[in-house]
Amino acid sequence: MLSFLDFLGTIGGAVLGIPGILGLALGMTTRWWSLAAPMGLVVGLAGPLIFGGAHATYVTTMEFAVSAVIGIAAALTGCLIRCKGATV
């Protein structure tokens, strides 16, 4: 079981790491939120697998869940930035 500070660190690491940054960048490539969300999910799930350690079993379910949610949210935010930025 993660403590509260470990949970906050997991969220912060996902936001500042690959799921947050690459999810935002991929979300900004499209104006369709229905395409941005799956791209963010793929990035969110691939990040812990690639950078999670020497083996996939070292990554916990909580890290996968947090990373997936952050990836989707970042991609949708990037899509929103693209849509609203285009109307200015």
PDB file of N, CA and C in Angstrom:
ATOM      1  N   MET A   1       0.845  -1.179   0.000  1.00  0.00           N
ATOM      2  CA  MET A   1       0.000   0.000   0.000  1.00  0.00           C
ATOM      3  C   MET A   1       0.893   1.246   0.000  1.00  0.00           C
ATOM      4  N   LEU A   2       0.557   2.167  -0.869  1.00  0.00           N
ATOM      5  CA  LEU A   2       1.318   3.402  -0.947  1.00  0.00           C
ATOM      6  C   LEU A   2       0.872   4.378   0.131  1.00  0.00           C
ATOM      7  N   SER A   3       1.815   5.102   0.658  1.00  0.00           N
ATOM      8  CA  SER A   3       1.447   6.180   1.556  1.00  0.00           C
ATOM      9  C   SER A   3       1.012   7.374   0.726  1.00  0.00           C
ATOM     10  N   PHE A   4       0.476   8.378   1.364  1.00  0.00           N
ATOM     11  CA  PHE A   4      -0.037   9.545   0.657  1.00  0.00           C
ATOM     12  C   PHE A   4       1.079  10.287  -0.069  1.00  0.00           C
ATOM     13  N   LEU A   5       2.243  10.408   0.568  1.00  0.00           N
ATOM     14  CA  LEU A   5       3.352  11.097  -0.082  1.00  0.00           C
ATOM     15  C   LEU A   5       3.898  10.316  -1.271  1.00  0.00           C
ATOM     16  N   ASP A   6       3.896   8.981  -1.183  1.00  0.00           N
ATOM     17  CA  ASP A   6       4.296   8.174  -2.334  1.00  0.00           C
ATOM     18  C   ASP A   6       3.325   8.352  -3.494  1.00  0.00           C
ATOM     19  N   PHE A   7       2.038   8.436  -3.169  1.00  0.00           N
ATOM     20  CA  PHE A   7       1.016   8.647  -4.186  1.00  0.00           C
ATOM     21  C   PHE A   7       1.180  10.005  -4.862  1.00  0.00           C
ATOM     22  N   LEU A   8       1.438  11.043  -4.069  1.00  0.00           N
ATOM     23  CA  LEU A   8       1.666  12.374  -4.638  1.00  0.00           C
ATOM     24  C   LEU A   8       2.934  12.402  -5.486  1.00  0.00           C
ATOM     25  N   GLY A   9       3.955  11.694  -5.058  1.00  0.00           N
ATOM     26  CA  GLY A   9       5.178  11.609  -5.849  1.00  0.00           C
ATOM     27  C   GLY A   9       4.954  10.877  -7.165  1.00  0.00           C
ATOM     28  N   THR A  10       4.106   9.855  -7.148  1.00  0.00           N
ATOM     29  CA  THR A  10       3.773   9.137  -8.376  1.00  0.00           C
ATOM     30  C   THR A  10       3.030  10.042  -9.346  1.00  0.00           C
ATOM     31  N   ILE A  11       2.103  10.830  -8.832  1.00  0.00           N
ATOM     32  CA  ILE A  11       1.365  11.775  -9.678  1.00  0.00           C
ATOM     33  C   ILE A  11       2.319  12.839 -10.240  1.00  0.00           C
ATOM     34  N   GLY A  12       3.150  13.406  -9.381  1.00  0.00           N
ATOM     35  CA  GLY A  12       4.091  14.424  -9.834  1.00  0.00           C
ATOM     36  C   GLY A  12       5.077  13.899 -10.861  1.00  0.00           C
ATOM     37  N   GLY A  13       5.550  12.679 -10.657  1.00  0.00           N
ATOM     38  CA  GLY A  13       6.474  12.081 -11.617  1.00  0.00           C
ATOM     39  C   GLY A  13       5.815  11.815 -12.956  1.00  0.00           C
ATOM     40  N   ALA A  14       4.536  11.446 -12.934  1.00  0.00           N
ATOM     41  CA  ALA A  14       3.825  11.207 -14.193  1.00  0.00           C
ATOM     42  C   ALA A  14       3.540  12.511 -14.927  1.00  0.00           C
ATOM     43  N   VAL A  15       3.207  13.559 -14.186  1.00  0.00           N
ATOM     44  CA  VAL A  15       2.908  14.846 -14.822  1.00  0.00           C
ATOM     45  C   VAL A  15       4.166  15.429 -15.451  1.00  0.00           C
ATOM     46  N   LEU A  16       5.285  15.349 -14.743  1.00  0.00           N
ATOM     47  CA  LEU A  16       6.529  15.927 -15.250  1.00  0.00           C
ATOM     48  C   LEU A  16       7.316  14.963 -16.122  1.00  0.00           C
ATOM     49  N   GLY A  17       6.860  13.730 -16.229  1.00  0.00           N
ATOM     50  CA  GLY A  17       7.579  12.730 -17.003  1.00  0.00           C
ATOM     51  C   GLY A  17       6.984  12.527 -18.384  1.00  0.00           C
ATOM     52  N   ILE A  18       7.222  11.348 -18.917  1.00  0.00           N
ATOM     53  CA  ILE A  18       6.807  11.008 -20.274  1.00  0.00           C
ATOM     54  C   ILE A  18       5.290  11.096 -20.468  1.00  0.00           C
ATOM     55  N   PRO A  19       4.450  10.565 -19.589  1.00  0.00           N
ATOM     56  CA  PRO A  19       3.006  10.639 -19.846  1.00  0.00           C
ATOM     57  C   PRO A  19       2.477  12.070 -19.919  1.00  0.00           C
ATOM     58  N   GLY A  20       2.986  12.956 -19.091  1.00  0.00           N
ATOM     59  CA  GLY A  20       2.501  14.328 -19.100  1.00  0.00           C
ATOM     60  C   GLY A  20       2.992  15.134 -20.281  1.00  0.00           C
ATOM     61  N   ILE A  21       4.279  15.093 -20.527  1.00  0.00           N
ATOM     62  CA  ILE A  21       4.868  15.921 -21.577  1.00  0.00           C
ATOM     63  C   ILE A  21       4.543  15.374 -22.969  1.00  0.00           C
ATOM     64  N   LEU A  22       4.752  14.091 -23.176  1.00  0.00           N
ATOM     65  CA  LEU A  22       4.479  13.513 -24.490  1.00  0.00           C
ATOM     66  C   LEU A  22       2.979  13.431 -24.756  1.00  0.00           C
ATOM     67  N   GLY A  23       2.185  13.211 -23.712  1.00  0.00           N
ATOM     68  CA  GLY A  23       0.735  13.220 -23.878  1.00  0.00           C
ATOM     69  C   GLY A  23       0.231  14.585 -24.312  1.00  0.00           C
ATOM     70  N   LEU A  24       0.765  15.644 -23.724  1.00  0.00           N
ATOM     71  CA  LEU A  24       0.390  16.999 -24.124  1.00  0.00           C
ATOM     72  C   LEU A  24       0.809  17.271 -25.566  1.00  0.00           C
ATOM     73  N   ALA A  25       2.011  16.862 -25.920  1.00  0.00           N
ATOM     74  CA  ALA A  25       2.500  17.091 -27.280  1.00  0.00           C
ATOM     75  C   ALA A  25       1.679  16.317 -28.311  1.00  0.00           C
ATOM     76  N   LEU A  26       1.350  15.072 -28.021  1.00  0.00           N
ATOM     77  CA  LEU A  26       0.540  14.295 -28.956  1.00  0.00           C
ATOM     78  C   LEU A  26      -0.891  14.819 -29.033  1.00  0.00           C
ATOM     79  N   GLY A  27      -1.405  15.313 -27.926  1.00  0.00           N
ATOM     80  CA  GLY A  27      -2.740  15.891 -27.941  1.00  0.00           C
ATOM     81  C   GLY A  27      -2.810  17.151 -28.777  1.00  0.00           C
ATOM     82  N   MET A  28      -1.714  17.878 -28.839  1.00  0.00           N
ATOM     83  CA  MET A  28      -1.686  19.098 -29.638  1.00  0.00           C
ATOM     84  C   MET A  28      -1.558  18.819 -31.136  1.00  0.00           C
ATOM     85  N   THR A  29      -1.356  17.583 -31.527  1.00  0.00           N
ATOM     86  CA  THR A  29      -1.261  17.259 -32.948  1.00  0.00           C
ATOM     87  C   THR A  29      -2.619  17.047 -33.588  1.00  0.00           C
ATOM     88  N   THR A  30      -3.679  16.943 -32.813  1.00  0.00           N
ATOM     89  CA  THR A  30      -4.995  16.676 -33.364  1.00  0.00           C
ATOM     90  C   THR A  30      -6.042  17.590 -32.750  1.00  0.00           C
ATOM     91  N   ARG A  31      -7.132  17.766 -33.468  1.00  0.00           N
ATOM     92  CA  ARG A  31      -8.264  18.533 -32.940  1.00  0.00           C
ATOM     93  C   ARG A  31      -9.402  17.623 -32.521  1.00  0.00           C
ATOM     94  N   TRP A  32      -9.253  16.343 -32.710  1.00  0.00           N
ATOM     95  CA  TRP A  32     -10.287  15.381 -32.346  1.00  0.00           C
ATOM     96  C   TRP A  32      -9.972  14.800 -30.986  1.00  0.00           C
ATOM     97  N   TRP A  33     -10.835  15.080 -30.001  1.00  0.00           N
ATOM     98  CA  TRP A  33     -10.596  14.567 -28.653  1.00  0.00           C
ATOM     99  C   TRP A  33     -10.732  13.053 -28.610  1.00  0.00           C
ATOM    100  N   SER A  34     -11.525  12.494 -29.553  1.00  0.00           N
ATOM    101  CA  SER A  34     -11.683  11.042 -29.586  1.00  0.00           C
ATOM    102  C   SER A  34     -10.415  10.340 -30.083  1.00  0.00           C
ATOM    103  N   LEU A  35      -9.543  11.053 -30.739  1.00  0.00           N
ATOM    104  CA  LEU A  35      -8.245  10.507 -31.136  1.00  0.00           C
ATOM    105  C   LEU A  35      -7.167  10.844 -30.105  1.00  0.00           C
ATOM    106  N   ALA A  36      -7.308  11.995 -29.451  1.00  0.00           N
ATOM    107  CA  ALA A  36      -6.307  12.415 -28.465  1.00  0.00           C
ATOM    108  C   ALA A  36      -6.319  11.517 -27.234  1.00  0.00           C
ATOM    109  N   ALA A  37      -7.505  11.119 -26.777  1.00  0.00           N
ATOM    110  CA  ALA A  37      -7.591  10.301 -25.565  1.00  0.00           C
ATOM    111  C   ALA A  37      -6.906   8.934 -25.720  1.00  0.00           C
ATOM    112  N   PRO A  38      -7.144   8.187 -26.801  1.00  0.00           N
ATOM    113  CA  PRO A  38      -6.410   6.918 -26.937  1.00  0.00           C
ATOM    114  C   PRO A  38      -4.894   7.100 -27.094  1.00  0.00           C
ATOM    115  N   MET A  39      -4.481   8.179 -27.764  1.00  0.00           N
ATOM    116  CA  MET A  39      -3.039   8.425 -27.877  1.00  0.00           C
ATOM    117  C   MET A  39      -2.438   8.690 -26.500  1.00  0.00           C
ATOM    118  N   GLY A  40      -3.151   9.444 -25.663  1.00  0.00           N
ATOM    119  CA  GLY A  40      -2.683   9.680 -24.304  1.00  0.00           C
ATOM    120  C   GLY A  40      -2.652   8.405 -23.476  1.00  0.00           C
ATOM    121  N   LEU A  41      -3.616   7.527 -23.701  1.00  0.00           N
ATOM    122  CA  LEU A  41      -3.641   6.252 -22.984  1.00  0.00           C
ATOM    123  C   LEU A  41      -2.451   5.381 -23.378  1.00  0.00           C
ATOM    124  N   VAL A  42      -2.145   5.344 -24.660  1.00  0.00           N
ATOM    125  CA  VAL A  42      -1.001   4.545 -25.124  1.00  0.00           C
ATOM    126  C   VAL A  42       0.296   5.079 -24.527  1.00  0.00           C
ATOM    127  N   VAL A  43       0.442   6.400 -24.530  1.00  0.00           N
ATOM    128  CA  VAL A  43       1.646   7.002 -23.948  1.00  0.00           C
ATOM    129  C   VAL A  43       1.688   6.742 -22.442  1.00  0.00           C
ATOM    130  N   GLY A  44       0.537   6.846 -21.795  1.00  0.00           N
ATOM    131  CA  GLY A  44       0.483   6.614 -20.351  1.00  0.00           C
ATOM    132  C   GLY A  44       0.825   5.193 -19.960  1.00  0.00           C
ATOM    133  N   LEU A  45       0.448   4.236 -20.787  1.00  0.00           N
ATOM    134  CA  LEU A  45       0.764   2.842 -20.473  1.00  0.00           C
ATOM    135  C   LEU A  45       2.162   2.449 -20.927  1.00  0.00           C
ATOM    136  N   ALA A  46       2.664   3.094 -21.960  1.00  0.00           N
ATOM    137  CA  ALA A  46       4.003   2.743 -22.460  1.00  0.00           C
ATOM    138  C   ALA A  46       5.112   3.344 -21.596  1.00  0.00           C
ATOM    139  N   GLY A  47       4.854   4.484 -20.981  1.00  0.00           N
ATOM    140  CA  GLY A  47       5.878   5.139 -20.170  1.00  0.00           C
ATOM    141  C   GLY A  47       6.399   4.284 -19.025  1.00  0.00           C
ATOM    142  N   PRO A  48       5.531   3.738 -18.180  1.00  0.00           N
ATOM    143  CA  PRO A  48       6.045   2.885 -17.100  1.00  0.00           C
ATOM    144  C   PRO A  48       6.682   1.593 -17.593  1.00  0.00           C
ATOM    145  N   LEU A  49       6.202   1.071 -18.712  1.00  0.00           N
ATOM    146  CA  LEU A  49       6.817  -0.156 -19.230  1.00  0.00           C
ATOM    147  C   LEU A  49       8.231   0.087 -19.718  1.00  0.00           C
ATOM    148  N   ILE A  50       8.436   1.231 -20.378  1.00  0.00           N
ATOM    149  CA  ILE A  50       9.756   1.520 -20.944  1.00  0.00           C
ATOM    150  C   ILE A  50      10.731   1.963 -19.860  1.00  0.00           C
ATOM    151  N   PHE A  51      10.277   2.843 -18.978  1.00  0.00           N
ATOM    152  CA  PHE A  51      11.174   3.441 -17.990  1.00  0.00           C
ATOM    153  C   PHE A  51      10.933   2.947 -16.568  1.00  0.00           C
ATOM    154  N   GLY A  52      10.168   1.891 -16.398  1.00  0.00           N
ATOM    155  CA  GLY A  52       9.794   1.430 -15.068  1.00  0.00           C
ATOM    156  C   GLY A  52      10.800   0.544 -14.377  1.00  0.00           C
ATOM    157  N   GLY A  53      11.850   0.213 -14.999  1.00  0.00           N
ATOM    158  CA  GLY A  53      12.842  -0.650 -14.378  1.00  0.00           C
ATOM    159  C   GLY A  53      13.256  -1.739 -15.337  1.00  0.00           C
ATOM    160  N   ALA A  54      13.941  -2.719 -14.795  1.00  0.00           N
ATOM    161  CA  ALA A  54      14.486  -3.771 -15.638  1.00  0.00           C
ATOM    162  C   ALA A  54      13.418  -4.764 -16.084  1.00  0.00           C
ATOM    163  N   HIS A  55      12.309  -4.837 -15.370  1.00  0.00           N
ATOM    164  CA  HIS A  55      11.274  -5.814 -15.694  1.00  0.00           C
ATOM    165  C   HIS A  55       9.910  -5.188 -15.474  1.00  0.00           C
ATOM    166  N   ALA A  56       8.932  -5.622 -16.252  1.00  0.00           N
ATOM    167  CA  ALA A  56       7.588  -5.022 -16.173  1.00  0.00           C
ATOM    168  C   ALA A  56       6.904  -5.309 -14.839  1.00  0.00           C
ATOM    169  N   THR A  57       7.318  -6.350 -14.133  1.00  0.00           N
ATOM    170  CA  THR A  57       6.673  -6.665 -12.855  1.00  0.00           C
ATOM    171  C   THR A  57       7.115  -5.722 -11.741  1.00  0.00           C
ATOM    172  N   TYR A  58       8.139  -4.914 -11.980  1.00  0.00           N
ATOM    173  CA  TYR A  58       8.558  -3.940 -10.979  1.00  0.00           C
ATOM    174  C   TYR A  58       7.613  -2.739 -10.921  1.00  0.00           C
ATOM    175  N   VAL A  59       6.782  -2.571 -11.946  1.00  0.00           N
ATOM    176  CA  VAL A  59       5.837  -1.464 -12.000  1.00  0.00           C
ATOM    177  C   VAL A  59       4.529  -1.924 -11.374  1.00  0.00           C
ATOM    178  N   THR A  60       4.024  -1.148 -10.416  1.00  0.00           N
ATOM    179  CA  THR A  60       2.800  -1.536  -9.730  1.00  0.00           C
ATOM    180  C   THR A  60       1.570  -1.118 -10.526  1.00  0.00           C
ATOM    181  N   THR A  61       0.440  -1.674 -10.139  1.00  0.00           N
ATOM    182  CA  THR A  61      -0.824  -1.338 -10.789  1.00  0.00           C
ATOM    183  C   THR A  61      -1.173   0.122 -10.567  1.00  0.00           C
ATOM    184  N   MET A  62      -0.855   0.651  -9.401  1.00  0.00           N
ATOM    185  CA  MET A  62      -1.139   2.057  -9.114  1.00  0.00           C
ATOM    186  C   MET A  62      -0.359   2.977 -10.059  1.00  0.00           C
ATOM    187  N   GLU A  63       0.883   2.630 -10.342  1.00  0.00           N
ATOM    188  CA  GLU A  63       1.680   3.444 -11.265  1.00  0.00           C
ATOM    189  C   GLU A  63       1.102   3.406 -12.669  1.00  0.00           C
ATOM    190  N   PHE A  64       0.633   2.243 -13.098  1.00  0.00           N
ATOM    191  CA  PHE A  64      -0.015   2.155 -14.402  1.00  0.00           C
ATOM    192  C   PHE A  64      -1.282   3.002 -14.449  1.00  0.00           C
ATOM    193  N   ALA A  65      -2.093   2.921 -13.404  1.00  0.00           N
ATOM    194  CA  ALA A  65      -3.353   3.662 -13.379  1.00  0.00           C
ATOM    195  C   ALA A  65      -3.113   5.171 -13.372  1.00  0.00           C
ATOM    196  N   VAL A  66      -2.211   5.623 -12.522  1.00  0.00           N
ATOM    197  CA  VAL A  66      -1.915   7.055 -12.444  1.00  0.00           C
ATOM    198  C   VAL A  66      -1.328   7.548 -13.763  1.00  0.00           C
ATOM    199  N   SER A  67      -0.428   6.786 -14.334  1.00  0.00           N
ATOM    200  CA  SER A  67       0.201   7.182 -15.585  1.00  0.00           C
ATOM    201  C   SER A  67      -0.810   7.219 -16.726  1.00  0.00           C
ATOM    202  N   ALA A  68      -1.739   6.276 -16.756  1.00  0.00           N
ATOM    203  CA  ALA A  68      -2.769   6.267 -17.806  1.00  0.00           C
ATOM    204  C   ALA A  68      -3.699   7.463 -17.676  1.00  0.00           C
ATOM    205  N   VAL A  69      -4.118   7.772 -16.453  1.00  0.00           N
ATOM    206  CA  VAL A  69      -5.013   8.918 -16.239  1.00  0.00           C
ATOM    207  C   VAL A  69      -4.304  10.223 -16.590  1.00  0.00           C
ATOM    208  N   ILE A  70      -3.056  10.353 -16.188  1.00  0.00           N
ATOM    209  CA  ILE A  70      -2.292  11.568 -16.504  1.00  0.00           C
ATOM    210  C   ILE A  70      -2.068  11.682 -18.009  1.00  0.00           C
ATOM    211  N   GLY A  71      -1.782  10.577 -18.681  1.00  0.00           N
ATOM    212  CA  GLY A  71      -1.592  10.604 -20.128  1.00  0.00           C
ATOM    213  C   GLY A  71      -2.845  11.045 -20.865  1.00  0.00           C
ATOM    214  N   ILE A  72      -3.999  10.520 -20.447  1.00  0.00           N
ATOM    215  CA  ILE A  72      -5.261  10.908 -21.076  1.00  0.00           C
ATOM    216  C   ILE A  72      -5.564  12.374 -20.795  1.00  0.00           C
ATOM    217  N   ALA A  73      -5.402  12.797 -19.555  1.00  0.00           N
ATOM    218  CA  ALA A  73      -5.691  14.194 -19.201  1.00  0.00           C
ATOM    219  C   ALA A  73      -4.757  15.156 -19.936  1.00  0.00           C
ATOM    220  N   ALA A  74      -3.502  14.800 -20.058  1.00  0.00           N
ATOM    221  CA  ALA A  74      -2.553  15.669 -20.763  1.00  0.00           C
ATOM    222  C   ALA A  74      -2.877  15.744 -22.246  1.00  0.00           C
ATOM    223  N   ALA A  75      -3.251  14.617 -22.846  1.00  0.00           N
ATOM    224  CA  ALA A  75      -3.594  14.623 -24.265  1.00  0.00           C
ATOM    225  C   ALA A  75      -4.862  15.435 -24.520  1.00  0.00           C
ATOM    226  N   LEU A  76      -5.842  15.310 -23.648  1.00  0.00           N
ATOM    227  CA  LEU A  76      -7.062  16.103 -23.804  1.00  0.00           C
ATOM    228  C   LEU A  76      -6.782  17.584 -23.585  1.00  0.00           C
ATOM    229  N   THR A  77      -5.883  17.896 -22.677  1.00  0.00           N
ATOM    230  CA  THR A  77      -5.495  19.298 -22.473  1.00  0.00           C
ATOM    231  C   THR A  77      -4.778  19.839 -23.710  1.00  0.00           C
ATOM    232  N   GLY A  78      -3.905  19.046 -24.311  1.00  0.00           N
ATOM    233  CA  GLY A  78      -3.237  19.458 -25.535  1.00  0.00           C
ATOM    234  C   GLY A  78      -4.221  19.667 -26.676  1.00  0.00           C
ATOM    235  N   CYS A  79      -5.210  18.803 -26.775  1.00  0.00           N
ATOM    236  CA  CYS A  79      -6.245  18.952 -27.797  1.00  0.00           C
ATOM    237  C   CYS A  79      -7.055  20.221 -27.553  1.00  0.00           C
ATOM    238  N   LEU A  80      -7.356  20.516 -26.312  1.00  0.00           N
ATOM    239  CA  LEU A  80      -8.079  21.754 -25.964  1.00  0.00           C
ATOM    240  C   LEU A  80      -7.251  22.974 -26.293  1.00  0.00           C
ATOM    241  N   ILE A  81      -5.960  22.920 -26.014  1.00  0.00           N
ATOM    242  CA  ILE A  81      -5.072  24.043 -26.352  1.00  0.00           C
ATOM    243  C   ILE A  81      -5.079  24.273 -27.859  1.00  0.00           C
ATOM    244  N   ARG A  82      -5.025  23.204 -28.619  1.00  0.00           N
ATOM    245  CA  ARG A  82      -5.029  23.350 -30.085  1.00  0.00           C
ATOM    246  C   ARG A  82      -6.348  23.912 -30.581  1.00  0.00           C
ATOM    247  N   CYS A  83      -7.460  23.417 -30.050  1.00  0.00           N
ATOM    248  CA  CYS A  83      -8.775  23.893 -30.518  1.00  0.00           C
ATOM    249  C   CYS A  83      -9.023  25.343 -30.135  1.00  0.00           C
ATOM    250  N   LYS A  84      -8.754  25.702 -28.893  1.00  0.00           N
ATOM    251  CA  LYS A  84      -8.997  27.072 -28.456  1.00  0.00           C
ATOM    252  C   LYS A  84      -7.955  28.037 -28.991  1.00  0.00           C
ATOM    253  N   GLY A  85      -6.752  27.573 -29.191  1.00  0.00           N
ATOM    254  CA  GLY A  85      -5.720  28.444 -29.739  1.00  0.00           C
ATOM    255  C   GLY A  85      -5.966  28.761 -31.200  1.00  0.00           C
ATOM    256  N   ALA A  86      -6.653  27.892 -31.891  1.00  0.00           N
ATOM    257  CA  ALA A  86      -6.929  28.112 -33.305  1.00  0.00           C
ATOM    258  C   ALA A  86      -8.058  29.119 -33.509  1.00  0.00           C
ATOM    259  N   THR A  87      -8.873  29.355 -32.492  1.00  0.00           N
ATOM    260  CA  THR A  87     -10.006  30.270 -32.656  1.00  0.00           C
ATOM    261  C   THR A  87      -9.655  31.698 -32.281  1.00  0.00           C
ATOM    262  N   VAL A  88      -8.455  31.933 -31.771  1.00  0.00           N
ATOM    263  CA  VAL A  88      -8.079  33.284 -31.358  1.00  0.00           C
ATOM    264  C   VAL A  88      -7.642  34.087 -32.564  1.00  0.00           C
TER     265      VAL A  88
END
